Amino acid sequence: MTYLNEDNIRFVNHILIEEFGKANKPPRRGGTSGALIAGLLSQNTSDHNRDIGYNRLIERFDSWEKVANADLDEVADAIELAGMKNRRAPRIKALIETIHEKTGGYSADFLLKIPHDEAFEWLVSQKGIGEKTAAVFLLFHRGAPYFPVDTHIRRILGRVGWFPIGTSAIKIQRAMTEICPPELMKDLHWNIIQLGKSICKPRNQKCRQCPLESVCDYGASL
């Protein structure tokens, strides 16, 4: 198993930046509240379907206040293609209503102004927002030191040998948040996902094209 330490993390980060560049996550329409709602829609759904559901929600309601005041069926209909509409619609409305109760408005910008650990705890206390969604939000919106782990990252870090195959995403996330230098988190998270989408796929992976082949347990075993 490839040893996980700061030196190896820096080395892999350097290789991936050479391959894919720096993290380039464009801002999403809808501000900070929109980012949280998109994260809520992303769980167990493809990025494509999440984006369709989110964009239809934005197009139908031009403010989060209107979403909060809309009938549940209207919200569910807007996000239908993202899946699980009957579970997600009440969670979206509840999240917006909770933000309004806390701030008097409909923006989640307050999460950028309080200590990041308090923001994290507030986020994971909301229905439908797990540790990964909270970590993505805080990493990309305020540069807080969290390392989100999705299915691509879980698969690749297992194949490389940093974690045993089958380790849960949340265990990897917590460990990487502790070990990874904070200044590397955004680029490393982003670029491992790019690697997972283009080369290190669940099936039909392209190991001979992979920039990490020389440091990957899985690639060496082939």
C-alpha atoms as a PDB file:
ATOM      1  CA  MET A   1       0.000   0.000   0.000  1.00  0.00           C
ATOM      2  CA  THR A   2       1.321   3.457  -0.903  1.00  0.00           C
ATOM      3  CA  TYR A   3       2.062   5.352   2.296  1.00  0.00           C
ATOM      4  CA  LEU A   4      -0.149   8.331   2.989  1.00  0.00           C
ATOM      5  CA  ASN A   5       1.788  11.323   4.257  1.00  0.00           C
ATOM      6  CA  GLU A   6       2.154  15.011   3.491  1.00  0.00           C
ATOM      7  CA  ASP A   7       5.060  14.502   1.091  1.00  0.00           C
ATOM      8  CA  ASN A   8       3.093  12.017  -1.017  1.00  0.00           C
ATOM      9  CA  ILE A   9       0.052  14.283  -0.998  1.00  0.00           C
ATOM     10  CA  ARG A  10       2.161  17.187  -2.247  1.00  0.00           C
ATOM     11  CA  PHE A  11       3.706  15.006  -4.935  1.00  0.00           C
ATOM     12  CA  VAL A  12       0.351  13.761  -6.232  1.00  0.00           C
ATOM     13  CA  ASN A  13      -1.085  17.281  -6.091  1.00  0.00           C
ATOM     14  CA  HIS A  14       1.818  18.558  -8.208  1.00  0.00           C
ATOM     15  CA  ILE A  15       1.324  15.809 -10.808  1.00  0.00           C
ATOM     16  CA  LEU A  16      -2.401  16.504 -11.075  1.00  0.00           C
ATOM     17  CA  ILE A  17      -1.949  20.260 -11.409  1.00  0.00           C
ATOM     18  CA  GLU A  18       0.486  19.580 -14.238  1.00  0.00           C
ATOM     19  CA  GLU A  19      -2.182  17.418 -15.880  1.00  0.00           C
ATOM     20  CA  PHE A  20      -5.379  19.367 -15.184  1.00  0.00           C
ATOM     21  CA  GLY A  21      -4.374  22.817 -13.908  1.00  0.00           C
ATOM     22  CA  LYS A  22      -5.716  24.649 -10.868  1.00  0.00           C
ATOM     23  CA  ALA A  23      -9.235  24.179  -9.538  1.00  0.00           C
ATOM     24  CA  ASN A  24     -11.775  25.979 -11.711  1.00  0.00           C
ATOM     25  CA  LYS A  25     -15.199  25.743 -10.125  1.00  0.00           C
ATOM     26  CA  PRO A  26     -17.409  28.460 -11.634  1.00  0.00           C
ATOM     27  CA  PRO A  27     -19.842  30.296  -9.351  1.00  0.00           C
ATOM     28  CA  ARG A  28     -23.401  29.018  -9.402  1.00  0.00           C
ATOM     29  CA  ARG A  29     -26.453  31.180  -9.912  1.00  0.00           C
ATOM     30  CA  GLY A  30     -28.349  31.682  -6.693  1.00  0.00           C
ATOM     31  CA  GLY A  31     -25.532  32.684  -4.350  1.00  0.00           C
ATOM     32  CA  THR A  32     -24.649  30.819  -1.184  1.00  0.00           C
ATOM     33  CA  SER A  33     -28.176  29.522  -0.606  1.00  0.00           C
ATOM     34  CA  GLY A  34     -28.172  28.202  -4.149  1.00  0.00           C
ATOM     35  CA  ALA A  35     -24.899  26.406  -3.536  1.00  0.00           C
ATOM     36  CA  LEU A  36     -26.420  24.609  -0.558  1.00  0.00           C
ATOM     37  CA  ILE A  37     -29.557  23.667  -2.465  1.00  0.00           C
ATOM     38  CA  ALA A  38     -27.481  22.353  -5.377  1.00  0.00           C
ATOM     39  CA  GLY A  39     -25.503  20.302  -2.865  1.00  0.00           C
ATOM     40  CA  LEU A  40     -28.708  18.930  -1.408  1.00  0.00           C
ATOM     41  CA  LEU A  41     -29.830  17.937  -4.920  1.00  0.00           C
ATOM     42  CA  SER A  42     -26.492  16.332  -5.784  1.00  0.00           C
ATOM     43  CA  GLN A  43     -26.661  13.389  -3.388  1.00  0.00           C
ATOM     44  CA  ASN A  44     -27.199  10.054  -5.177  1.00  0.00           C
ATOM     45  CA  THR A  45     -27.780  11.898  -8.439  1.00  0.00           C
ATOM     46  CA  SER A  46     -25.626  12.544 -11.492  1.00  0.00           C
ATOM     47  CA  ASP A  47     -24.221  16.044 -11.958  1.00  0.00           C
ATOM     48  CA  HIS A  48     -26.259  16.292 -15.158  1.00  0.00           C
ATOM     49  CA  ASN A  49     -29.593  15.575 -13.468  1.00  0.00           C
ATOM     50  CA  ARG A  50     -28.725  17.760 -10.471  1.00  0.00           C
ATOM     51  CA  ASP A  51     -28.044  20.692 -12.781  1.00  0.00           C
ATOM     52  CA  ILE A  52     -31.291  20.184 -14.714  1.00  0.00           C
ATOM     53  CA  GLY A  53     -33.299  20.114 -11.483  1.00  0.00           C
ATOM     54  CA  TYR A  54     -31.495  23.116 -10.027  1.00  0.00           C
ATOM     55  CA  ASN A  55     -31.760  25.208 -13.189  1.00  0.00           C
ATOM     56  CA  ARG A  56     -35.472  24.492 -13.509  1.00  0.00           C
ATOM     57  CA  LEU A  57     -35.953  25.562  -9.898  1.00  0.00           C
ATOM     58  CA  ILE A  58     -34.101  28.823 -10.579  1.00  0.00           C
ATOM     59  CA  GLU A  59     -36.062  29.446 -13.778  1.00  0.00           C
ATOM     60  CA  ARG A  60     -39.443  28.828 -12.192  1.00  0.00           C
ATOM     61  CA  PHE A  61     -38.793  30.901  -9.069  1.00  0.00           C
ATOM     62  CA  ASP A  62     -36.589  33.952  -9.453  1.00  0.00           C
ATOM     63  CA  SER A  63     -35.871  34.320  -5.735  1.00  0.00           C
ATOM     64  CA  TRP A  64     -35.429  32.027  -2.741  1.00  0.00           C
ATOM     65  CA  GLU A  65     -38.207  33.934  -0.998  1.00  0.00           C
ATOM     66  CA  LYS A  66     -40.595  32.747  -3.708  1.00  0.00           C
ATOM     67  CA  VAL A  67     -39.396  29.167  -3.224  1.00  0.00           C
ATOM     68  CA  ALA A  68     -40.014  29.456   0.516  1.00  0.00           C
ATOM     69  CA  ASN A  69     -43.556  30.694  -0.127  1.00  0.00           C
ATOM     70  CA  ALA A  70     -44.364  28.279  -2.963  1.00  0.00           C
ATOM     71  CA  ASP A  71     -46.548  25.210  -2.678  1.00  0.00           C
ATOM     72  CA  LEU A  72     -44.577  22.057  -2.010  1.00  0.00           C
ATOM     73  CA  ASP A  73     -45.920  20.444  -5.183  1.00  0.00           C
ATOM     74  CA  GLU A  74     -44.561  23.303  -7.295  1.00  0.00           C
ATOM     75  CA  VAL A  75     -41.072  22.910  -5.848  1.00  0.00           C
ATOM     76  CA  ALA A  76     -41.222  19.138  -6.264  1.00  0.00           C
ATOM     77  CA  ASP A  77     -42.300  19.500  -9.881  1.00  0.00           C
ATOM     78  CA  ALA A  78     -39.418  21.869 -10.641  1.00  0.00           C
ATOM     79  CA  ILE A  79     -36.740  19.517  -9.284  1.00  0.00           C
ATOM     80  CA  GLU A  80     -38.296  16.272 -10.522  1.00  0.00           C
ATOM     81  CA  LEU A  81     -35.453  15.283 -12.864  1.00  0.00           C
ATOM     82  CA  ALA A  82     -32.931  15.502 -10.023  1.00  0.00           C
ATOM     83  CA  GLY A  83     -34.764  12.597  -8.386  1.00  0.00           C
ATOM     84  CA  MET A  84     -36.384  11.972  -4.988  1.00  0.00           C
ATOM     85  CA  LYS A  85     -38.521  15.075  -5.419  1.00  0.00           C
ATOM     86  CA  ASN A  86     -40.924  14.244  -2.593  1.00  0.00           C
ATOM     87  CA  ARG A  87     -38.057  14.008  -0.111  1.00  0.00           C
ATOM     88  CA  ARG A  88     -35.983  16.894  -1.420  1.00  0.00           C
ATOM     89  CA  ALA A  89     -38.701  19.509  -1.951  1.00  0.00           C
ATOM     90  CA  PRO A  90     -39.634  19.784   1.761  1.00  0.00           C
ATOM     91  CA  ARG A  91     -35.952  19.834   2.676  1.00  0.00           C
ATOM     92  CA  ILE A  92     -35.293  22.705   0.280  1.00  0.00           C
ATOM     93  CA  LYS A  93     -38.194  24.698   1.683  1.00  0.00           C
ATOM     94  CA  ALA A  94     -37.177  23.907   5.266  1.00  0.00           C
ATOM     95  CA  LEU A  95     -33.597  25.007   4.609  1.00  0.00           C
ATOM     96  CA  ILE A  96     -34.667  28.337   3.124  1.00  0.00           C
ATOM     97  CA  GLU A  97     -37.173  28.917   5.916  1.00  0.00           C
ATOM     98  CA  THR A  98     -34.525  28.150   8.547  1.00  0.00           C
ATOM     99  CA  ILE A  99     -32.106  30.608   6.935  1.00  0.00           C
ATOM    100  CA  HIS A 100     -34.859  33.240   6.968  1.00  0.00           C
ATOM    101  CA  GLU A 101     -35.674  32.593  10.615  1.00  0.00           C
ATOM    102  CA  LYS A 102     -32.008  32.944  11.533  1.00  0.00           C
ATOM    103  CA  THR A 103     -31.100  35.976   9.422  1.00  0.00           C
ATOM    104  CA  GLY A 104     -34.296  37.729   8.372  1.00  0.00           C
ATOM    105  CA  GLY A 105     -33.222  37.200   4.749  1.00  0.00           C
ATOM    106  CA  TYR A 106     -32.715  34.348   2.340  1.00  0.00           C
ATOM    107  CA  SER A 107     -28.944  34.342   1.923  1.00  0.00           C
ATOM    108  CA  ALA A 108     -26.594  31.835   3.554  1.00  0.00           C
ATOM    109  CA  ASP A 109     -23.793  34.418   3.594  1.00  0.00           C
ATOM    110  CA  PHE A 110     -23.821  34.345   7.396  1.00  0.00           C
ATOM    111  CA  LEU A 111     -21.980  31.022   7.129  1.00  0.00           C
ATOM    112  CA  LEU A 112     -19.013  32.880   5.668  1.00  0.00           C
ATOM    113  CA  LYS A 113     -18.715  35.151   8.699  1.00  0.00           C
ATOM    114  CA  ILE A 114     -18.859  32.798  11.677  1.00  0.00           C
ATOM    115  CA  PRO A 115     -16.055  30.374  12.685  1.00  0.00           C
ATOM    116  CA  HIS A 116     -15.897  27.606  10.087  1.00  0.00           C
ATOM    117  CA  ASP A 117     -16.359  24.854  12.663  1.00  0.00           C
ATOM    118  CA  GLU A 118     -19.598  26.501  13.829  1.00  0.00           C
ATOM    119  CA  ALA A 119     -20.697  26.821  10.208  1.00  0.00           C
ATOM    120  CA  PHE A 120     -19.955  23.139   9.624  1.00  0.00           C
ATOM    121  CA  GLU A 121     -21.989  22.082  12.659  1.00  0.00           C
ATOM    122  CA  TRP A 122     -24.906  24.272  11.601  1.00  0.00           C
ATOM    123  CA  LEU A 123     -24.861  22.827   8.104  1.00  0.00           C
ATOM    124  CA  VAL A 124     -24.830  19.172   9.126  1.00  0.00           C
ATOM    125  CA  SER A 125     -27.719  19.840  11.512  1.00  0.00           C
ATOM    126  CA  GLN A 126     -29.939  20.637   8.510  1.00  0.00           C
ATOM    127  CA  LYS A 127     -31.897  17.780   6.947  1.00  0.00           C
ATOM    128  CA  GLY A 128     -30.419  16.709   3.632  1.00  0.00           C
ATOM    129  CA  ILE A 129     -27.004  18.299   4.191  1.00  0.00           C
ATOM    130  CA  GLY A 130     -24.321  15.806   5.093  1.00  0.00           C
ATOM    131  CA  GLU A 131     -20.647  16.188   5.869  1.00  0.00           C
ATOM    132  CA  LYS A 132     -19.622  16.104   2.202  1.00  0.00           C
ATOM    133  CA  THR A 133     -22.024  18.885   1.166  1.00  0.00           C
ATOM    134  CA  ALA A 134     -20.959  20.990   4.147  1.00  0.00           C
ATOM    135  CA  ALA A 135     -17.291  20.443   3.316  1.00  0.00           C
ATOM    136  CA  VAL A 136     -17.742  21.361  -0.368  1.00  0.00           C
ATOM    137  CA  PHE A 137     -19.563  24.553   0.573  1.00  0.00           C
ATOM    138  CA  LEU A 138     -16.999  25.679   3.134  1.00  0.00           C
ATOM    139  CA  LEU A 139     -13.970  24.734   1.023  1.00  0.00           C
ATOM    140  CA  PHE A 140     -15.086  26.519  -2.137  1.00  0.00           C
ATOM    141  CA  HIS A 141     -16.926  29.484  -0.618  1.00  0.00           C
ATOM    142  CA  ARG A 142     -14.536  30.456   2.147  1.00  0.00           C
ATOM    143  CA  GLY A 143     -11.425  28.338   1.702  1.00  0.00           C
ATOM    144  CA  ALA A 144     -12.022  26.537   4.986  1.00  0.00           C
ATOM    145  CA  PRO A 145      -9.846  23.446   5.604  1.00  0.00           C
ATOM    146  CA  TYR A 146     -12.158  20.589   4.642  1.00  0.00           C
ATOM    147  CA  PHE A 147     -11.478  17.867   2.086  1.00  0.00           C
ATOM    148  CA  PRO A 148     -14.770  16.643   0.587  1.00  0.00           C
ATOM    149  CA  VAL A 149     -14.821  13.081  -0.701  1.00  0.00           C
ATOM    150  CA  ASP A 150     -17.202  11.938  -3.419  1.00  0.00           C
ATOM    151  CA  THR A 151     -17.408   8.607  -5.224  1.00  0.00           C
ATOM    152  CA  HIS A 152     -14.568   9.500  -7.620  1.00  0.00           C
ATOM    153  CA  ILE A 153     -12.201  10.453  -4.810  1.00  0.00           C
ATOM    154  CA  ARG A 154     -13.136   7.429  -2.740  1.00  0.00           C
ATOM    155  CA  ARG A 155     -12.445   5.120  -5.685  1.00  0.00           C
ATOM    156  CA  ILE A 156      -9.142   6.733  -6.673  1.00  0.00           C
ATOM    157  CA  LEU A 157      -7.642   7.045  -3.188  1.00  0.00           C
ATOM    158  CA  GLY A 158      -8.452   3.374  -2.661  1.00  0.00           C
ATOM    159  CA  ARG A 159      -6.828   2.387  -5.950  1.00  0.00           C
ATOM    160  CA  VAL A 160      -3.745   4.513  -5.317  1.00  0.00           C
ATOM    161  CA  GLY A 161      -3.371   2.755  -1.978  1.00  0.00           C
ATOM    162  CA  TRP A 162      -3.807   5.604   0.454  1.00  0.00           C
ATOM    163  CA  PHE A 163      -6.806   3.848   2.012  1.00  0.00           C
ATOM    164  CA  PRO A 164      -7.957   0.230   1.990  1.00  0.00           C
ATOM    165  CA  ILE A 165     -10.457  -0.539  -0.762  1.00  0.00           C
ATOM    166  CA  GLY A 166     -13.922  -0.273   0.724  1.00  0.00           C
ATOM    167  CA  THR A 167     -13.116   2.474   3.231  1.00  0.00           C
ATOM    168  CA  SER A 168     -16.179   4.698   3.556  1.00  0.00           C
ATOM    169  CA  ALA A 169     -16.195   8.134   1.960  1.00  0.00           C
ATOM    170  CA  ILE A 170     -16.766   9.820   5.304  1.00  0.00           C
ATOM    171  CA  LYS A 171     -13.769   8.074   6.920  1.00  0.00           C
ATOM    172  CA  ILE A 172     -11.573   9.152   4.010  1.00  0.00           C
ATOM    173  CA  GLN A 173     -12.944  12.687   4.203  1.00  0.00           C
ATOM    174  CA  ARG A 174     -12.199  13.008   7.913  1.00  0.00           C
ATOM    175  CA  ALA A 175      -8.709  11.548   7.521  1.00  0.00           C
ATOM    176  CA  MET A 176      -7.820  13.731   4.530  1.00  0.00           C
ATOM    177  CA  THR A 177      -9.141  16.806   6.316  1.00  0.00           C
ATOM    178  CA  GLU A 178      -6.668  16.058   9.115  1.00  0.00           C
ATOM    179  CA  ILE A 179      -3.682  15.114   6.950  1.00  0.00           C
ATOM    180  CA  CYS A 180      -3.864  17.182   3.758  1.00  0.00           C
ATOM    181  CA  PRO A 181      -2.208  20.624   3.894  1.00  0.00           C
ATOM    182  CA  PRO A 182      -5.081  23.146   3.744  1.00  0.00           C
ATOM    183  CA  GLU A 183      -3.565  25.103   0.861  1.00  0.00           C
ATOM    184  CA  LEU A 184      -3.704  21.983  -1.340  1.00  0.00           C
ATOM    185  CA  MET A 185      -7.242  20.886  -0.581  1.00  0.00           C
ATOM    186  CA  LYS A 186      -9.141  22.785  -3.252  1.00  0.00           C
ATOM    187  CA  ASP A 187      -6.866  21.835  -6.175  1.00  0.00           C
ATOM    188  CA  LEU A 188      -6.397  18.239  -5.043  1.00  0.00           C
ATOM    189  CA  HIS A 189     -10.116  17.660  -4.498  1.00  0.00           C
ATOM    190  CA  TRP A 190     -10.999  19.206  -7.870  1.00  0.00           C
ATOM    191  CA  ASN A 191      -8.317  17.422  -9.865  1.00  0.00           C
ATOM    192  CA  ILE A 192      -8.921  13.959  -8.431  1.00  0.00           C
ATOM    193  CA  ILE A 193     -12.518  14.348  -9.589  1.00  0.00           C
ATOM    194  CA  GLN A 194     -11.299  15.347 -13.075  1.00  0.00           C
ATOM    195  CA  LEU A 195      -9.099  12.240 -13.088  1.00  0.00           C
ATOM    196  CA  GLY A 196     -12.067  10.094 -12.074  1.00  0.00           C
ATOM    197  CA  LYS A 197     -14.287  11.480 -14.811  1.00  0.00           C
ATOM    198  CA  SER A 198     -11.739  11.208 -17.620  1.00  0.00           C
ATOM    199  CA  ILE A 199      -9.290   8.373 -16.848  1.00  0.00           C
ATOM    200  CA  CYS A 200      -9.752   6.485 -13.576  1.00  0.00           C
ATOM    201  CA  LYS A 201     -13.353   5.465 -14.216  1.00  0.00           C
ATOM    202  CA  PRO A 202     -15.246   2.762 -12.325  1.00  0.00           C
ATOM    203  CA  ARG A 203     -14.957   0.533 -15.418  1.00  0.00           C
ATOM    204  CA  ASN A 204     -12.817   0.718 -18.539  1.00  0.00           C
ATOM    205  CA  GLN A 205     -10.224   2.760 -16.705  1.00  0.00           C
ATOM    206  CA  LYS A 206      -7.272   4.008 -18.774  1.00  0.00           C
ATOM    207  CA  CYS A 207      -4.371   3.133 -16.501  1.00  0.00           C
ATOM    208  CA  ARG A 208      -1.685   3.509 -19.175  1.00  0.00           C
ATOM    209  CA  GLN A 209      -2.827   7.107 -19.738  1.00  0.00           C
ATOM    210  CA  CYS A 210      -2.981   7.952 -16.046  1.00  0.00           C
ATOM    211  CA  PRO A 211      -0.525  10.535 -14.670  1.00  0.00           C
ATOM    212  CA  LEU A 212      -0.553   8.635 -11.354  1.00  0.00           C
ATOM    213  CA  GLU A 213       0.284   5.225 -12.819  1.00  0.00           C
ATOM    214  CA  SER A 214       3.779   5.212 -11.307  1.00  0.00           C
ATOM    215  CA  VAL A 215       2.463   5.805  -7.758  1.00  0.00           C
ATOM    216  CA  CYS A 216      -0.719   3.728  -7.965  1.00  0.00           C
ATOM    217  CA  ASP A 217      -1.067   0.297  -6.370  1.00  0.00           C
ATOM    218  CA  TYR A 218      -3.914  -0.627  -8.724  1.00  0.00           C
ATOM    219  CA  GLY A 219      -1.985   0.397 -11.845  1.00  0.00           C
ATOM    220  CA  ALA A 220       1.105  -1.486 -10.689  1.00  0.00           C
ATOM    221  CA  SER A 221      -0.950  -4.641 -10.167  1.00  0.00           C
ATOM    222  CA  LEU A 222      -2.103  -4.836 -13.789  1.00  0.00           C
END
